[in-house]
């Protein structure tokens, strides 16, 4: 007897029980029409993921229980598995509810709680201690949640008491970073092969603060082969038929990956959900004619629509005619509203007043930064008057080494490319033009030598190593946690590497004051990398 299963990857909003319930109810309607026997929703789908310190509120946990009970009563015709936050006595659990016939039939509690990277589950939850399997039609269906299947030797012991394992369900809220999907597939394949049974993995989709969830729910056969994969970066209902001891029957396409393409999709989804879920409609962008602001504007248009993006260029005498022209051309290519607000006279006025104080000079770094701060003030003033949110345009390479101005180009509400290395910025611009079938980001923008244009003839390479080299050092130091000596042993120049490390270390205070941005690398600043600001540990050349 075949079991027809549906994996409903939905885009939830933390704390919005009504909206989340509406999405669950809609998927239930579609599944019922398709005659699905078992409908599966992601980890903490009822309340949204991650709810963080909302889990410390008893009223929030009570809403979870109420929503699950209402879901069971309203959707009695299909067996449902859905993730929710459970309060049992004085303990909290990350749980999976099995709903059947209008009631909660069983509850499985997540046993392995991740407490690394972006995860803080031991702060909130107690681990479950009992395996749960339910009989649906003639199949024994085993319940697991996310991390449970990432440690196979532990899982074998945990499920030792479950004599029949015809199908493993894994509900998940697994955040995206570029290239992770291949690692994830290997975990699913290894688990299916270890237990010699098919595995159904249902992942959440959508943006939540800095995190993006890519969906791409999967069905894997007992031999580890991928039977099918749901869409990436959008809601989907993946349906298949499972027969005991046979391969999964599914017409869905298999997974396709594209490193640069998936990053672009993640940035678009993360930006859209951050803006929309926080109640904003339009965004403001300081459009300089440079590559970072051009890419940010392109992503914003794809996320929100051209009618909701406003570009502002704010030139001084240091800005070339070419960059001013490219800012206007980019805005025209994107079809967005565009304004030119020159700041030369404002700069002159500020400089005149500041010159009355001891030590001020219009040849100083402070004078360069003053230009960025004037631009930040204009953007935030326009934001204040219009209610539109400002998108900052700094990339990960600049953010890492502090190549930015506090209360200047860091002023804003969301940092779209905050976790995107400069070298990847170029790849994303080429990708955008390619998928558009025309030049959206002008080639002159892509080809121009990077410059902040805050003094005559300025180039980024005056202050930083070339970006190809810089990004390799940053990847080793930040994402791979390599020491100075390890990087030098790999062939990086000792003096250059030490200079970069010092810049990273001494700019932690600056990064803490930057807005959140979309995570697309294995280790992003913020939730991933948490270094103390007050910190005297320094590496030296031995």
Protein backbone atom coordinates (compact mmCIF):
# COMPACT_ATOMS: atom_id res chain seq x y z
CA UNK A 1 0.00 0.00 0.00
CA UNK A 2 1.52 3.34 -1.09
CA UNK A 3 1.91 6.29 1.26
CA UNK A 4 1.42 9.64 -0.47
CA UNK A 5 3.54 12.26 1.27
CA UNK A 6 3.63 16.04 0.93
CA UNK A 7 6.52 18.21 2.12
CA UNK A 8 5.26 21.78 2.58
CA UNK A 9 8.15 24.24 2.77
CA UNK A 10 6.53 27.49 3.85
CA UNK A 11 7.82 31.00 4.54
CA UNK A 12 6.87 31.72 8.13
CA UNK A 13 7.21 34.89 10.19
CA UNK A 14 8.42 34.67 13.77
CA UNK A 15 5.54 35.30 16.17
CA UNK A 16 2.87 35.76 13.51
CA UNK A 17 0.72 32.78 14.46
CA UNK A 18 -2.23 33.88 12.34
CA UNK A 19 -0.19 34.26 9.14
CA UNK A 20 1.73 31.04 9.76
CA UNK A 21 -1.48 29.16 10.45
CA UNK A 22 -2.91 30.60 7.21
CA UNK A 23 0.03 29.22 5.22
CA UNK A 24 -0.31 25.83 6.90
CA UNK A 25 -4.04 25.80 6.23
CA UNK A 26 -3.49 26.70 2.55
CA UNK A 27 -0.95 23.89 2.13
CA UNK A 28 -3.39 21.51 3.82
CA UNK A 29 -6.05 22.42 1.26
CA UNK A 30 -3.68 21.72 -1.62
CA UNK A 31 -2.52 18.46 -0.05
CA UNK A 32 -6.07 17.30 0.57
CA UNK A 33 -6.95 17.99 -3.05
CA UNK A 34 -3.93 15.90 -4.09
CA UNK A 35 -5.08 13.06 -1.78
CA UNK A 36 -1.96 13.22 0.38
CA UNK A 37 -1.83 10.81 3.36
CA UNK A 38 0.97 12.53 5.33
CA UNK A 39 1.63 16.27 5.22
CA UNK A 40 4.91 17.48 6.74
CA UNK A 41 5.83 21.04 7.77
CA UNK A 42 9.27 22.39 8.83
CA UNK A 43 10.87 22.82 12.23
CA UNK A 44 9.05 25.38 14.43
CA UNK A 45 6.72 26.14 11.51
CA UNK A 46 3.91 27.10 13.86
CA UNK A 47 5.81 29.98 15.49
CA UNK A 48 8.57 30.75 12.97
CA UNK A 49 12.32 30.18 13.28
CA UNK A 50 14.34 31.23 15.20
CA UNK A 51 12.10 32.76 17.89
CA UNK A 52 15.08 33.46 20.18
CA UNK A 53 14.11 35.06 23.51
CA UNK A 54 10.43 34.97 22.68
CA UNK A 55 10.82 31.42 23.94
CA UNK A 56 11.32 32.83 27.44
CA UNK A 57 7.77 34.23 27.39
CA UNK A 58 5.18 31.77 28.71
CA UNK A 59 2.45 33.57 26.77
CA UNK A 60 4.34 32.90 23.53
CA UNK A 61 4.59 29.20 24.35
CA UNK A 62 0.91 29.11 25.23
CA UNK A 63 0.12 30.55 21.79
CA UNK A 64 2.14 27.72 20.25
CA UNK A 65 0.06 25.08 22.01
CA UNK A 66 -3.19 26.83 21.15
CA UNK A 67 -2.20 27.06 17.48
CA UNK A 68 -1.28 23.37 17.29
CA UNK A 69 -4.56 22.32 18.90
CA UNK A 70 -6.50 24.56 16.50
CA UNK A 71 -4.54 23.14 13.57
CA UNK A 72 -5.41 19.60 14.61
CA UNK A 73 -9.11 20.45 14.94
CA UNK A 74 -9.31 22.31 11.62
CA UNK A 75 -7.30 19.82 9.54
CA UNK A 76 -8.54 16.35 10.58
CA UNK A 77 -8.48 14.55 7.24
CA UNK A 78 -4.71 14.15 6.77
CA UNK A 79 -2.00 13.05 9.17
CA UNK A 80 0.13 16.15 9.79
CA UNK A 81 3.60 16.59 11.25
CA UNK A 82 4.53 20.13 12.21
CA UNK A 83 7.20 21.76 14.34
CA UNK A 84 6.31 23.95 17.33
CA UNK A 85 7.75 25.27 20.59
CA UNK A 86 6.37 23.22 23.49
CA UNK A 87 6.10 24.02 27.18
CA UNK A 88 5.80 20.87 29.31
CA UNK A 89 5.74 21.63 33.01
CA UNK A 90 8.58 24.12 33.43
CA UNK A 91 10.62 22.80 30.52
CA UNK A 92 10.70 23.98 26.91
CA UNK A 93 11.18 21.69 23.93
CA UNK A 94 11.71 22.00 20.19
CA UNK A 95 8.96 19.59 19.22
CA UNK A 96 7.19 17.85 16.37
CA UNK A 97 3.45 17.28 16.75
CA UNK A 98 1.77 14.38 14.98
CA UNK A 99 -1.82 15.42 14.30
CA UNK A 100 -4.47 12.93 13.30
CA UNK A 101 -8.27 12.79 13.40
CA UNK A 102 -8.58 16.25 14.90
CA UNK A 103 -6.23 15.56 17.82
CA UNK A 104 -2.56 15.58 18.80
CA UNK A 105 -1.65 11.90 18.44
CA UNK A 106 2.00 12.04 19.51
CA UNK A 107 4.77 14.53 20.22
CA UNK A 108 8.45 14.04 19.42
CA UNK A 109 11.00 16.26 21.16
CA UNK A 110 14.27 17.16 19.46
CA UNK A 111 17.11 15.30 21.16
CA UNK A 112 20.25 16.85 19.66
CA UNK A 113 20.34 20.61 20.26
CA UNK A 114 22.88 22.55 18.17
CA UNK A 115 24.83 25.19 20.05
CA UNK A 116 27.36 26.51 17.56
CA UNK A 117 27.47 29.13 14.81
CA UNK A 118 24.07 30.80 14.59
CA UNK A 119 22.42 28.25 16.90
CA UNK A 120 21.65 28.81 20.59
CA UNK A 121 19.21 26.00 21.25
CA UNK A 122 20.67 24.93 24.60
CA UNK A 123 19.85 28.41 25.86
CA UNK A 124 16.16 27.69 25.37
CA UNK A 125 15.38 23.99 25.08
CA UNK A 126 15.77 20.76 26.98
CA UNK A 127 16.73 17.74 24.87
CA UNK A 128 14.13 15.06 24.26
CA UNK A 129 14.94 11.54 25.40
CA UNK A 130 12.49 9.25 23.60
CA UNK A 131 12.35 8.13 19.98
CA UNK A 132 8.94 8.37 18.32
CA UNK A 133 7.61 6.30 15.41
CA UNK A 134 4.03 6.24 14.12
CA UNK A 135 2.27 3.78 11.86
CA UNK A 136 0.75 5.44 8.78
CA UNK A 137 -0.89 3.00 6.40
CA UNK A 138 1.53 0.06 6.58
CA UNK A 139 4.69 2.12 7.06
CA UNK A 140 6.53 2.79 10.32
CA UNK A 141 7.43 6.48 10.14
CA UNK A 142 10.25 7.72 12.40
CA UNK A 143 10.28 11.36 13.57
CA UNK A 144 13.48 13.45 13.76
CA UNK A 145 14.25 17.15 13.83
CA UNK A 146 17.17 18.77 11.97
CA UNK A 147 20.37 18.13 13.99
CA UNK A 148 19.19 14.66 15.05
CA UNK A 149 20.36 13.14 11.76
CA UNK A 150 23.74 14.90 11.65
CA UNK A 151 25.35 12.47 14.12
CA UNK A 152 24.70 9.00 12.77
CA UNK A 153 26.37 6.90 15.47
CA UNK A 154 24.35 8.69 18.13
CA UNK A 155 21.17 8.34 16.06
CA UNK A 156 21.67 4.57 15.66
CA UNK A 157 21.74 4.19 19.44
CA UNK A 158 18.82 6.58 19.93
CA UNK A 159 16.62 4.67 17.47
CA UNK A 160 17.74 1.21 18.61
CA UNK A 161 14.37 0.56 20.23
CA UNK A 162 12.45 1.31 17.03
CA UNK A 163 12.30 -2.10 15.40
CA UNK A 164 10.71 -0.99 12.12
CA UNK A 165 11.99 1.97 10.14
CA UNK A 166 10.24 2.29 6.80
CA UNK A 167 10.59 6.07 6.45
CA UNK A 168 12.52 8.73 8.38
CA UNK A 169 10.99 12.19 8.56
CA UNK A 170 13.33 15.10 9.25
CA UNK A 171 11.80 18.53 9.75
CA UNK A 172 14.37 21.30 9.59
CA UNK A 173 15.20 24.97 9.79
CA UNK A 174 18.63 24.83 8.20
CA UNK A 175 20.02 28.28 7.29
CA UNK A 176 21.61 28.88 3.91
CA UNK A 177 25.18 29.61 3.05
CA UNK A 178 26.75 29.20 -0.37
CA UNK A 179 27.64 25.59 -1.14
CA UNK A 180 25.94 24.13 1.95
CA UNK A 181 23.34 22.23 -0.08
CA UNK A 182 25.93 19.68 -1.25
CA UNK A 183 27.01 19.04 2.35
CA UNK A 184 23.39 18.73 3.40
CA UNK A 185 22.62 16.20 0.67
CA UNK A 186 25.52 14.01 1.81
CA UNK A 187 24.12 14.01 5.37
CA UNK A 188 20.69 12.94 4.09
CA UNK A 189 22.17 10.26 1.85
CA UNK A 190 24.35 8.84 4.61
CA UNK A 191 21.37 8.67 6.97
CA UNK A 192 19.13 6.92 4.43
CA UNK A 193 21.82 4.36 3.64
CA UNK A 194 22.67 3.79 7.32
CA UNK A 195 19.08 2.79 8.11
CA UNK A 196 18.31 1.31 4.69
CA UNK A 197 15.10 3.30 4.37
CA UNK A 198 13.97 6.42 2.52
CA UNK A 199 14.25 9.83 4.15
CA UNK A 200 11.97 12.84 3.74
CA UNK A 201 13.57 16.17 4.63
CA UNK A 202 11.34 19.26 4.95
CA UNK A 203 13.15 22.58 5.28
CA UNK A 204 11.77 26.04 5.97
CA UNK A 205 12.12 28.85 3.41
CA UNK A 206 12.41 32.63 3.79
CA UNK A 207 14.40 35.38 5.46
CA UNK A 208 14.58 36.07 9.20
CA UNK A 209 16.84 38.96 10.22
CA UNK A 210 20.32 37.93 8.98
CA UNK A 211 19.38 34.35 8.16
CA UNK A 212 17.99 33.00 4.90
CA UNK A 213 16.42 29.56 4.57
CA UNK A 214 16.57 28.10 1.09
CA UNK A 215 13.89 25.41 1.25
CA UNK A 216 15.02 22.72 -1.21
CA UNK A 217 13.24 20.00 0.74
CA UNK A 218 14.32 16.57 -0.44
CA UNK A 219 13.28 12.94 -0.73
CA UNK A 220 16.11 10.41 -0.68
CA UNK A 221 15.85 6.70 -1.44
CA UNK A 222 17.21 3.97 0.84
CA UNK A 223 20.25 3.57 -1.42
CA UNK A 224 21.08 7.27 -1.00
CA UNK A 225 19.93 8.35 -4.44
CA UNK A 226 18.08 11.68 -4.62
CA UNK A 227 14.48 11.05 -5.65
CA UNK A 228 13.38 14.67 -5.86
CA UNK A 229 13.97 18.17 -4.56
CA UNK A 230 11.62 21.09 -3.98
CA UNK A 231 12.23 24.56 -5.34
CA UNK A 232 14.94 26.76 -3.91
CA UNK A 233 14.21 30.09 -2.20
CA UNK A 234 10.44 29.91 -2.64
CA UNK A 235 7.48 28.14 -1.12
CA UNK A 236 6.66 24.73 -2.55
CA UNK A 237 4.70 21.55 -1.89
CA UNK A 238 6.71 18.47 -2.86
CA UNK A 239 4.53 15.37 -3.31
CA UNK A 240 5.64 11.78 -3.80
CA UNK A 241 4.44 8.21 -3.28
CA UNK A 242 6.37 5.84 -1.04
CA UNK A 243 5.90 2.07 -1.15
CA UNK A 244 7.51 -0.14 1.45
CA UNK A 245 10.82 -1.46 0.19
CA UNK A 246 10.56 0.36 -3.15
CA UNK A 247 12.03 3.52 -4.64
CA UNK A 248 10.12 6.76 -4.19
CA UNK A 249 7.78 7.67 -7.02
CA UNK A 250 8.06 11.37 -7.83
CA UNK A 251 7.85 13.52 -10.92
CA UNK A 252 9.72 16.47 -9.42
CA UNK A 253 12.98 17.69 -10.90
CA UNK A 254 16.23 16.88 -9.12
CA UNK A 255 18.34 19.52 -7.42
CA UNK A 256 20.25 22.01 -9.52
CA UNK A 257 22.97 24.20 -8.00
CA UNK A 258 24.78 27.33 -9.17
CA UNK A 259 27.12 28.91 -6.61
CA UNK A 260 26.76 32.54 -7.74
CA UNK A 261 23.12 32.12 -8.72
CA UNK A 262 22.10 30.75 -5.32
CA UNK A 263 23.88 33.62 -3.56
CA UNK A 264 21.94 36.10 -5.67
CA UNK A 265 18.66 34.35 -4.89
CA UNK A 266 19.49 34.34 -1.17
CA UNK A 267 20.24 38.08 -1.20
CA UNK A 268 16.98 38.84 -2.99
CA UNK A 269 14.90 36.69 -0.63
CA UNK A 270 16.67 37.94 2.49
CA UNK A 271 16.20 41.57 1.46
CA UNK A 272 12.54 41.12 0.47
CA UNK A 273 11.60 39.38 3.71
CA UNK A 274 13.51 41.77 5.97
CA UNK A 275 11.85 44.80 4.38
CA UNK A 276 8.36 43.35 4.07
CA UNK A 277 8.20 41.48 7.38
CA UNK A 278 9.32 44.62 9.22
CA UNK A 279 6.57 46.71 7.66
CA UNK A 280 8.53 48.80 5.16
CA UNK A 281 7.53 49.34 1.55
CA UNK A 282 10.24 51.45 -0.09
CA UNK A 283 14.01 51.68 0.25
CA UNK A 284 16.60 54.43 -0.20
CA UNK A 285 20.08 53.73 -1.56
CA UNK A 286 23.08 56.03 -1.85
CA UNK A 287 23.90 55.34 -5.50
CA UNK A 288 27.51 56.40 -6.06
CA UNK A 289 28.18 54.92 -9.48
CA UNK A 290 30.35 52.28 -7.81
CA UNK A 291 29.93 48.53 -8.05
CA UNK A 292 28.65 47.90 -4.49
CA UNK A 293 25.79 50.38 -4.60
CA UNK A 294 24.89 49.30 -8.15
CA UNK A 295 24.61 45.66 -7.07
CA UNK A 296 22.62 46.62 -3.96
CA UNK A 297 20.16 48.57 -6.11
CA UNK A 298 19.77 45.67 -8.55
CA UNK A 299 19.05 43.23 -5.71
CA UNK A 300 16.56 45.67 -4.18
CA UNK A 301 14.67 46.00 -7.47
CA UNK A 302 14.45 42.22 -7.85
CA UNK A 303 13.31 41.93 -4.24
CA UNK A 304 10.81 44.78 -4.05
CA UNK A 305 10.02 46.05 -7.53
CA UNK A 306 11.48 49.10 -9.25
CA UNK A 307 8.69 51.34 -7.99
CA UNK A 308 9.87 50.77 -4.42
CA UNK A 309 13.54 51.66 -4.85
CA UNK A 310 14.92 55.21 -4.77
CA UNK A 311 18.51 56.04 -5.68
CA UNK A 312 20.26 59.15 -4.37
CA UNK A 313 23.62 60.33 -5.68
CA UNK A 314 25.47 62.97 -3.61
CA UNK A 315 28.58 64.13 -5.46
CA UNK A 316 31.41 66.45 -4.44
CA UNK A 317 34.27 67.78 -6.52
CA UNK A 318 36.07 64.49 -5.91
CA UNK A 319 33.51 62.50 -7.83
CA UNK A 320 34.34 62.04 -11.48
CA UNK A 321 31.91 62.81 -14.26
CA UNK A 322 32.08 59.12 -15.16
CA UNK A 323 30.84 57.85 -11.78
CA UNK A 324 28.09 60.47 -11.61
CA UNK A 325 27.01 59.42 -15.09
CA UNK A 326 27.15 55.72 -14.16
CA UNK A 327 24.94 56.30 -11.11
CA UNK A 328 22.33 57.89 -13.34
CA UNK A 329 22.73 55.20 -15.99
CA UNK A 330 22.32 52.40 -13.41
CA UNK A 331 19.16 54.05 -12.10
CA UNK A 332 17.81 54.38 -15.63
CA UNK A 333 18.63 50.74 -16.45
CA UNK A 334 16.80 49.64 -13.32
CA UNK A 335 13.90 52.00 -13.93
CA UNK A 336 14.05 53.47 -10.41
CA UNK A 337 13.37 56.95 -9.07
CA UNK A 338 16.65 58.90 -8.96
CA UNK A 339 17.79 62.15 -7.35
CA UNK A 340 21.05 64.10 -7.57
CA UNK A 341 21.79 66.04 -4.37
CA UNK A 342 25.26 67.68 -4.61
CA UNK A 343 26.93 68.12 -1.21
CA UNK A 344 29.87 70.35 -2.15
CA UNK A 345 28.37 73.45 -0.52
CA UNK A 346 27.36 71.49 2.58
CA UNK A 347 30.91 70.12 2.80
CA UNK A 348 32.30 73.63 2.43
CA UNK A 349 30.08 74.92 5.23
CA UNK A 350 30.97 72.06 7.59
CA UNK A 351 34.65 72.48 6.83
CA UNK A 352 34.50 76.19 7.49
CA UNK A 353 33.02 75.71 10.94
CA UNK A 354 35.26 72.78 11.86
CA UNK A 355 38.33 74.77 10.77
CA UNK A 356 37.72 77.01 13.78
CA UNK A 357 38.77 74.14 16.05
CA UNK A 358 42.35 73.09 16.77
CA UNK A 359 43.69 70.23 14.66
CA UNK A 360 41.09 70.22 11.90
CA UNK A 361 42.44 69.91 8.35
CA UNK A 362 40.82 69.46 4.98
CA UNK A 363 43.76 67.20 4.08
CA UNK A 364 42.91 64.68 6.81
CA UNK A 365 41.14 61.33 6.93
CA UNK A 366 38.50 63.05 9.07
CA UNK A 367 37.74 65.36 6.15
CA UNK A 368 37.29 62.35 3.86
CA UNK A 369 34.98 60.73 6.39
CA UNK A 370 33.01 63.96 6.77
CA UNK A 371 31.80 63.51 3.19
CA UNK A 372 30.47 60.04 4.01
CA UNK A 373 28.81 61.38 7.17
CA UNK A 374 27.07 64.15 5.27
CA UNK A 375 25.73 61.56 2.85
CA UNK A 376 24.60 59.37 5.73
CA UNK A 377 22.82 62.34 7.32
CA UNK A 378 20.99 63.13 4.09
CA UNK A 379 19.87 59.54 3.58
CA UNK A 380 18.72 59.14 7.17
CA UNK A 381 16.90 62.49 7.04
CA UNK A 382 15.06 61.40 3.91
CA UNK A 383 14.29 58.10 5.62
CA UNK A 384 12.98 59.95 8.66
CA UNK A 385 10.70 62.16 6.58
CA UNK A 386 9.41 59.45 4.21
CA UNK A 387 9.36 56.33 6.35
CA UNK A 388 11.50 54.49 3.78
CA UNK A 389 14.38 52.35 5.04
CA UNK A 390 18.00 52.99 3.99
CA UNK A 391 19.98 50.10 2.53
CA UNK A 392 23.71 50.36 3.16
CA UNK A 393 26.09 49.17 0.47
CA UNK A 394 29.27 47.97 2.21
CA UNK A 395 30.62 44.50 1.36
CA UNK A 396 32.24 41.91 3.64
CA UNK A 397 35.79 42.79 2.64
CA UNK A 398 35.31 46.42 3.67
CA UNK A 399 33.33 45.51 6.78
CA UNK A 400 36.04 43.08 7.88
CA UNK A 401 38.88 45.60 7.82
CA UNK A 402 36.87 48.66 8.84
CA UNK A 403 37.12 50.35 5.44
CA UNK A 404 33.97 52.33 6.14
CA UNK A 405 32.79 55.38 8.07
CA UNK A 406 30.72 55.10 11.23
CA UNK A 407 27.54 57.18 10.91
CA UNK A 408 28.42 57.66 7.25
CA UNK A 409 28.21 54.82 4.74
CA UNK A 410 27.34 52.47 7.64
CA UNK A 411 24.20 54.49 8.47
CA UNK A 412 21.06 52.60 7.51
CA UNK A 413 18.62 49.86 8.40
CA UNK A 414 19.78 46.85 6.41
CA UNK A 415 23.13 45.89 4.86
CA UNK A 416 22.28 43.79 1.81
CA UNK A 417 25.82 42.70 0.82
CA UNK A 418 27.38 42.85 4.29
CA UNK A 419 28.50 39.19 4.03
CA UNK A 420 29.51 39.27 0.36
CA UNK A 421 33.29 39.43 -0.32
CA UNK A 422 34.34 42.05 -2.87
CA UNK A 423 35.46 39.43 -5.39
CA UNK A 424 32.00 37.83 -5.24
CA UNK A 425 30.40 41.27 -5.75
CA UNK A 426 31.96 41.31 -9.22
CA UNK A 427 30.67 37.79 -9.95
CA UNK A 428 27.17 38.77 -8.85
CA UNK A 429 27.15 41.81 -11.13
CA UNK A 430 28.17 39.67 -14.10
CA UNK A 431 25.47 37.17 -13.10
CA UNK A 432 22.82 39.87 -12.91
CA UNK A 433 23.64 41.11 -16.40
CA UNK A 434 23.71 37.56 -17.74
CA UNK A 435 20.31 36.52 -16.37
CA UNK A 436 18.82 39.86 -17.50
CA UNK A 437 20.03 39.31 -21.04
CA UNK A 438 21.26 42.89 -21.16
CA UNK A 439 23.55 45.33 -19.40
CA UNK A 440 21.79 46.37 -16.18
CA UNK A 441 24.95 47.22 -14.26
CA UNK A 442 27.09 49.23 -16.68
CA UNK A 443 30.32 47.54 -17.77
CA UNK A 444 32.16 50.74 -16.92
CA UNK A 445 31.07 50.23 -13.29
CA UNK A 446 32.39 46.65 -13.31
CA UNK A 447 35.67 47.62 -15.01
CA UNK A 448 36.48 50.71 -12.91
CA UNK A 449 39.30 50.48 -10.37
CA UNK A 450 37.65 50.51 -6.91
CA UNK A 451 37.71 53.92 -5.27
CA UNK A 452 35.84 55.72 -2.48
CA UNK A 453 36.38 59.05 -4.29
CA UNK A 454 36.98 61.01 -1.09
CA UNK A 455 40.22 62.63 -2.27
CA UNK A 456 41.90 63.24 -5.65
CA UNK A 457 43.12 60.07 -7.35
CA UNK A 458 42.11 57.81 -4.47
CA UNK A 459 42.10 54.00 -4.95
CA UNK A 460 41.05 51.31 -2.46
CA UNK A 461 44.43 49.65 -3.03
CA UNK A 462 46.11 52.71 -1.47
CA UNK A 463 44.85 51.45 1.90
CA UNK A 464 44.20 47.75 1.29
CA UNK A 465 45.80 44.80 -0.48
CA UNK A 466 44.27 44.00 -3.84
CA UNK A 467 40.86 42.42 -3.25
CA UNK A 468 41.80 39.02 -4.72
CA UNK A 469 44.52 38.71 -2.08
CA UNK A 470 42.55 40.39 0.69
CA UNK A 471 39.57 38.05 0.31
CA UNK A 472 41.78 34.96 0.46
CA UNK A 473 43.38 36.16 3.71
CA UNK A 474 39.99 37.10 5.18
CA UNK A 475 38.50 33.72 4.28
CA UNK A 476 41.36 31.94 6.03
CA UNK A 477 41.32 34.14 9.12
CA UNK A 478 37.57 34.62 9.60
CA UNK A 479 35.79 31.64 8.07
CA UNK A 480 38.46 28.99 8.58
CA UNK A 481 39.81 30.33 11.92
CA UNK A 482 43.43 30.03 10.79
CA UNK A 483 46.18 31.74 12.75
CA UNK A 484 48.77 34.14 11.38
CA UNK A 485 51.43 31.41 11.40
CA UNK A 486 49.14 28.96 9.57
CA UNK A 487 48.38 31.53 6.87
CA UNK A 488 52.07 32.36 6.45
CA UNK A 489 52.85 28.64 6.18
CA UNK A 490 50.32 28.49 3.32
CA UNK A 491 52.36 31.08 1.44
CA UNK A 492 50.79 34.42 2.35
CA UNK A 493 53.21 37.29 2.92
CA UNK A 494 53.73 37.72 6.67
CA UNK A 495 53.67 41.53 6.78
CA UNK A 496 50.58 41.81 4.57
CA UNK A 497 48.74 39.12 6.48
CA UNK A 498 49.57 40.68 9.85
CA UNK A 499 48.35 44.06 8.59
CA UNK A 500 45.02 42.55 7.52
CA UNK A 501 44.59 40.67 10.81
CA UNK A 502 45.26 43.83 12.80
CA UNK A 503 42.65 45.72 10.79
CA UNK A 504 40.09 42.97 11.37
CA UNK A 505 40.80 42.80 15.12
CA UNK A 506 40.72 46.51 15.85
CA UNK A 507 37.46 47.17 13.99
CA UNK A 508 35.16 44.93 16.01
CA UNK A 509 33.68 48.02 17.70
CA UNK A 510 32.76 49.41 14.30
CA UNK A 511 31.12 46.21 13.05
CA UNK A 512 28.94 46.03 16.16
CA UNK A 513 27.34 49.32 15.14
CA UNK A 514 26.54 48.26 11.59
CA UNK A 515 23.04 47.14 10.56
CA UNK A 516 22.22 43.45 10.04
CA UNK A 517 22.70 41.89 6.63
CA UNK A 518 22.10 38.64 4.75
CA UNK A 519 24.34 35.71 5.73
CA UNK A 520 25.73 33.92 2.67
CA UNK A 521 29.10 32.58 3.93
CA UNK A 522 29.82 29.82 6.49
CA UNK A 523 30.84 32.46 9.05
CA UNK A 524 29.25 35.89 8.93
CA UNK A 525 29.87 38.82 11.27
CA UNK A 526 27.15 39.07 13.90
CA UNK A 527 25.35 35.85 14.84
CA UNK A 528 28.19 33.63 13.64
CA UNK A 529 31.36 35.40 14.74
CA UNK A 530 31.16 36.86 18.23
CA UNK A 531 34.41 38.46 19.27
CA UNK A 532 34.80 40.70 22.34
CA UNK A 533 35.19 44.37 21.56
CA UNK A 534 37.50 44.91 24.53
CA UNK A 535 40.23 42.43 23.65
CA UNK A 536 44.02 42.68 23.86
CA UNK A 537 44.87 39.33 22.31
CA UNK A 538 47.15 40.02 19.35
CA UNK A 539 48.96 37.70 16.95
CA UNK A 540 52.57 38.35 16.04
CA UNK A 541 55.06 37.21 13.43
CA UNK A 542 57.25 34.56 15.06
